[in-house]
Structure formats: structure tokens, C-alpha cells
Amino acid sequence: GILPPKLLFEVLLRLPAKPICRLRAVCRSWLSFTSDPLFLAACAARYPHPLLAVGVHSFPRKGCVDLVDLSGNVV
């Protein structure tokens, strides 16, 4: 079945940042949902430490994106 948007919001909000980034590739509706300013603001409030998205363009991880905290740790 389909989860109501409010329930989906609460479930996704409890996930760490890395799986949320992976979920964005599932379908356009999930990309849209996880790009919503309200969802992003809720995530930022829940995880106050800034993260950087680092793209890898070399073999063997070409096309990968890692989330890195300001200490350089991949999350």
C-alpha cells in the first residue's frame, strides 16, 4: 500500500542522511518529496551538523556521491 505523506515524512526523517540520498534515486516522487523545503528544514533541525556532498569522478567509484562531515568522515 501507499503510506500517507505525513507518515512517510516521519519515517524518512528518522533515517540517517546517506540512505535518504540513496532513496532520492528510487523515483521522481521520492526525489520531489526529499527535496521539499519543509522536509529539508526538518532534516537540518534534526541533524544540525552540516554535511558536504562529495562527488567521485574516478574509477572504480565513478558517479558516486559521499556525504562527509566537516571533519572529513564519510557518514
N, C-alpha and C. Protein backbone atom coordinates (compact mmCIF):
# COMPACT_ATOMS: atom_id res chain seq x y z
N GLY A 1 0.79 -1.18 0.00
CA GLY A 1 0.00 0.00 0.00
C GLY A 1 0.85 1.26 0.00
N ILE A 2 0.18 2.36 -0.05
CA ILE A 2 0.84 3.66 -0.07
C ILE A 2 0.71 4.30 1.31
N LEU A 3 1.83 4.76 1.83
CA LEU A 3 1.81 5.45 3.12
C LEU A 3 1.31 6.88 2.94
N PRO A 4 0.54 7.36 3.90
CA PRO A 4 0.15 8.77 3.85
C PRO A 4 1.40 9.65 3.91
N PRO A 5 1.39 10.80 3.23
CA PRO A 5 2.57 11.67 3.20
C PRO A 5 3.11 12.04 4.58
N LYS A 6 2.23 12.29 5.53
CA LYS A 6 2.69 12.67 6.88
C LYS A 6 3.47 11.52 7.54
N LEU A 7 2.99 10.29 7.36
CA LEU A 7 3.68 9.14 7.93
C LEU A 7 5.02 8.91 7.23
N LEU A 8 5.03 9.02 5.90
CA LEU A 8 6.27 8.88 5.14
C LEU A 8 7.29 9.93 5.59
N PHE A 9 6.83 11.15 5.80
CA PHE A 9 7.68 12.24 6.30
C PHE A 9 8.35 11.83 7.61
N GLU A 10 7.57 11.32 8.55
CA GLU A 10 8.09 10.94 9.86
C GLU A 10 9.06 9.77 9.77
N VAL A 11 8.76 8.80 8.92
CA VAL A 11 9.65 7.64 8.75
C VAL A 11 10.98 8.08 8.15
N LEU A 12 10.93 8.83 7.05
CA LEU A 12 12.16 9.26 6.38
C LEU A 12 12.99 10.19 7.24
N LEU A 13 12.34 10.97 8.06
CA LEU A 13 13.04 11.91 8.92
C LEU A 13 13.93 11.19 9.93
N ARG A 14 13.61 9.96 10.25
CA ARG A 14 14.38 9.20 11.23
C ARG A 14 15.58 8.46 10.62
N LEU A 15 15.68 8.49 9.31
CA LEU A 15 16.80 7.83 8.64
C LEU A 15 18.03 8.73 8.65
N PRO A 16 19.21 8.12 8.68
CA PRO A 16 20.43 8.92 8.51
C PRO A 16 20.47 9.54 7.11
N ALA A 17 21.32 10.52 6.93
CA ALA A 17 21.39 11.27 5.67
C ALA A 17 21.75 10.39 4.47
N LYS A 18 22.67 9.46 4.64
CA LYS A 18 23.15 8.66 3.50
C LYS A 18 22.02 7.84 2.86
N PRO A 19 21.22 7.09 3.63
CA PRO A 19 20.11 6.37 2.99
C PRO A 19 19.09 7.29 2.34
N ILE A 20 18.87 8.47 2.91
CA ILE A 20 17.93 9.41 2.29
C ILE A 20 18.43 9.80 0.90
N CYS A 21 19.73 10.03 0.79
CA CYS A 21 20.29 10.37 -0.53
C CYS A 21 20.11 9.23 -1.52
N ARG A 22 20.25 8.01 -1.06
CA ARG A 22 20.03 6.85 -1.94
C ARG A 22 18.57 6.75 -2.35
N LEU A 23 17.66 7.04 -1.44
CA LEU A 23 16.23 6.95 -1.73
C LEU A 23 15.80 7.95 -2.79
N ARG A 24 16.55 9.03 -2.94
CA ARG A 24 16.21 10.05 -3.93
C ARG A 24 16.24 9.48 -5.34
N ALA A 25 16.99 8.39 -5.54
CA ALA A 25 17.11 7.78 -6.87
C ALA A 25 16.01 6.75 -7.15
N VAL A 26 15.14 6.48 -6.18
CA VAL A 26 14.10 5.46 -6.35
C VAL A 26 13.11 5.86 -7.44
N CYS A 27 12.58 7.06 -7.34
CA CYS A 27 11.61 7.53 -8.32
C CYS A 27 11.47 9.05 -8.20
N ARG A 28 10.80 9.64 -9.17
CA ARG A 28 10.65 11.10 -9.17
C ARG A 28 9.87 11.61 -7.97
N SER A 29 8.86 10.85 -7.53
CA SER A 29 8.06 11.33 -6.41
C SER A 29 8.89 11.35 -5.11
N TRP A 30 9.79 10.38 -4.93
CA TRP A 30 10.64 10.37 -3.74
C TRP A 30 11.69 11.47 -3.83
N LEU A 31 12.18 11.74 -5.04
CA LEU A 31 13.12 12.84 -5.23
C LEU A 31 12.43 14.16 -4.87
N SER A 32 11.21 14.33 -5.34
CA SER A 32 10.45 15.53 -5.04
C SER A 32 10.17 15.65 -3.55
N PHE A 33 9.77 14.54 -2.93
CA PHE A 33 9.44 14.53 -1.51
C PHE A 33 10.65 14.91 -0.66
N THR A 34 11.82 14.31 -0.98
CA THR A 34 13.02 14.57 -0.19
C THR A 34 13.69 15.89 -0.55
N SER A 35 13.20 16.56 -1.59
CA SER A 35 13.70 17.89 -1.96
C SER A 35 12.81 19.01 -1.44
N ASP A 36 11.69 18.65 -0.86
CA ASP A 36 10.74 19.63 -0.35
C ASP A 36 11.40 20.49 0.74
N PRO A 37 11.25 21.81 0.68
CA PRO A 37 11.87 22.68 1.69
C PRO A 37 11.48 22.35 3.13
N LEU A 38 10.24 21.91 3.36
CA LEU A 38 9.83 21.55 4.72
C LEU A 38 10.59 20.32 5.21
N PHE A 39 10.75 19.33 4.33
CA PHE A 39 11.49 18.12 4.70
C PHE A 39 12.96 18.46 4.96
N LEU A 40 13.55 19.26 4.08
CA LEU A 40 14.96 19.63 4.25
C LEU A 40 15.17 20.42 5.54
N ALA A 41 14.24 21.31 5.87
CA ALA A 41 14.35 22.08 7.11
C ALA A 41 14.23 21.17 8.32
N ALA A 42 13.33 20.19 8.26
CA ALA A 42 13.18 19.24 9.37
C ALA A 42 14.44 18.40 9.53
N CYS A 43 15.04 17.98 8.42
CA CYS A 43 16.30 17.22 8.48
C CYS A 43 17.42 18.07 9.07
N ALA A 44 17.49 19.31 8.65
CA ALA A 44 18.53 20.21 9.16
C ALA A 44 18.38 20.43 10.66
N ALA A 45 17.14 20.50 11.13
CA ALA A 45 16.90 20.69 12.56
C ALA A 45 17.27 19.43 13.34
N ARG A 46 17.04 18.28 12.73
CA ARG A 46 17.33 17.01 13.40
C ARG A 46 18.83 16.71 13.39
N TYR A 47 19.51 17.08 12.33
CA TYR A 47 20.95 16.85 12.19
C TYR A 47 21.62 18.21 11.99
N PRO A 48 21.93 18.90 13.10
CA PRO A 48 22.42 20.27 12.99
C PRO A 48 23.84 20.41 12.43
N HIS A 49 24.59 19.32 12.34
CA HIS A 49 25.95 19.41 11.82
C HIS A 49 25.91 19.39 10.30
N PRO A 50 26.52 20.37 9.67
CA PRO A 50 26.48 20.43 8.20
C PRO A 50 27.23 19.26 7.57
N LEU A 51 26.71 18.82 6.44
CA LEU A 51 27.33 17.75 5.67
C LEU A 51 27.66 18.28 4.28
N LEU A 52 28.69 17.73 3.69
CA LEU A 52 29.07 18.08 2.34
C LEU A 52 28.82 16.89 1.43
N ALA A 53 28.30 17.14 0.25
CA ALA A 53 28.14 16.09 -0.76
C ALA A 53 29.38 16.14 -1.65
N VAL A 54 30.11 15.02 -1.69
CA VAL A 54 31.35 14.96 -2.46
C VAL A 54 31.17 13.97 -3.59
N GLY A 55 31.28 14.44 -4.82
CA GLY A 55 31.16 13.57 -5.99
C GLY A 55 32.49 12.93 -6.33
N VAL A 56 32.43 11.67 -6.72
CA VAL A 56 33.63 10.93 -7.13
C VAL A 56 33.53 10.70 -8.63
N HIS A 57 34.55 11.11 -9.35
CA HIS A 57 34.51 11.01 -10.81
C HIS A 57 35.63 10.13 -11.36
N SER A 58 36.18 9.25 -10.52
CA SER A 58 37.25 8.39 -10.99
C SER A 58 36.91 6.93 -10.73
N PHE A 59 37.49 6.06 -11.51
CA PHE A 59 37.29 4.62 -11.38
C PHE A 59 37.83 4.16 -10.04
N PRO A 60 37.27 3.25 -9.31
CA PRO A 60 36.12 2.41 -9.63
C PRO A 60 34.80 2.97 -9.11
N ARG A 61 34.82 4.14 -8.48
CA ARG A 61 33.60 4.66 -7.86
C ARG A 61 33.00 5.79 -8.68
N LYS A 62 33.24 5.82 -9.95
CA LYS A 62 32.77 6.90 -10.81
C LYS A 62 31.26 7.08 -10.66
N GLY A 63 30.85 8.31 -10.47
CA GLY A 63 29.43 8.62 -10.35
C GLY A 63 28.87 8.49 -8.95
N CYS A 64 29.69 8.17 -7.97
CA CYS A 64 29.23 8.04 -6.58
C CYS A 64 29.25 9.40 -5.89
N VAL A 65 28.40 9.54 -4.92
CA VAL A 65 28.37 10.74 -4.09
C VAL A 65 28.44 10.30 -2.64
N ASP A 66 29.40 10.85 -1.90
CA ASP A 66 29.52 10.57 -0.47
C ASP A 66 29.09 11.79 0.31
N LEU A 67 28.50 11.56 1.48
CA LEU A 67 28.20 12.64 2.42
C LEU A 67 29.31 12.66 3.45
N VAL A 68 29.92 13.82 3.64
CA VAL A 68 31.08 13.95 4.50
C VAL A 68 30.81 15.05 5.52
N ASP A 69 31.14 14.77 6.80
CA ASP A 69 31.00 15.83 7.79
C ASP A 69 32.21 16.75 7.69
N LEU A 70 32.21 17.82 8.46
CA LEU A 70 33.28 18.81 8.34
C LEU A 70 34.61 18.31 8.88
N SER A 71 34.63 17.14 9.53
CA SER A 71 35.87 16.52 9.97
C SER A 71 36.45 15.60 8.90
N GLY A 72 35.72 15.42 7.81
CA GLY A 72 36.19 14.55 6.73
C GLY A 72 35.72 13.12 6.83
N ASN A 73 34.87 12.82 7.79
CA ASN A 73 34.35 11.46 7.97
C ASN A 73 33.16 11.23 7.05
N VAL A 74 33.19 10.11 6.32
CA VAL A 74 32.05 9.75 5.48
C VAL A 74 30.94 9.25 6.40
N VAL A 75 29.74 9.79 6.22
CA VAL A 75 28.60 9.38 7.05
C VAL A 75 27.66 8.49 6.27
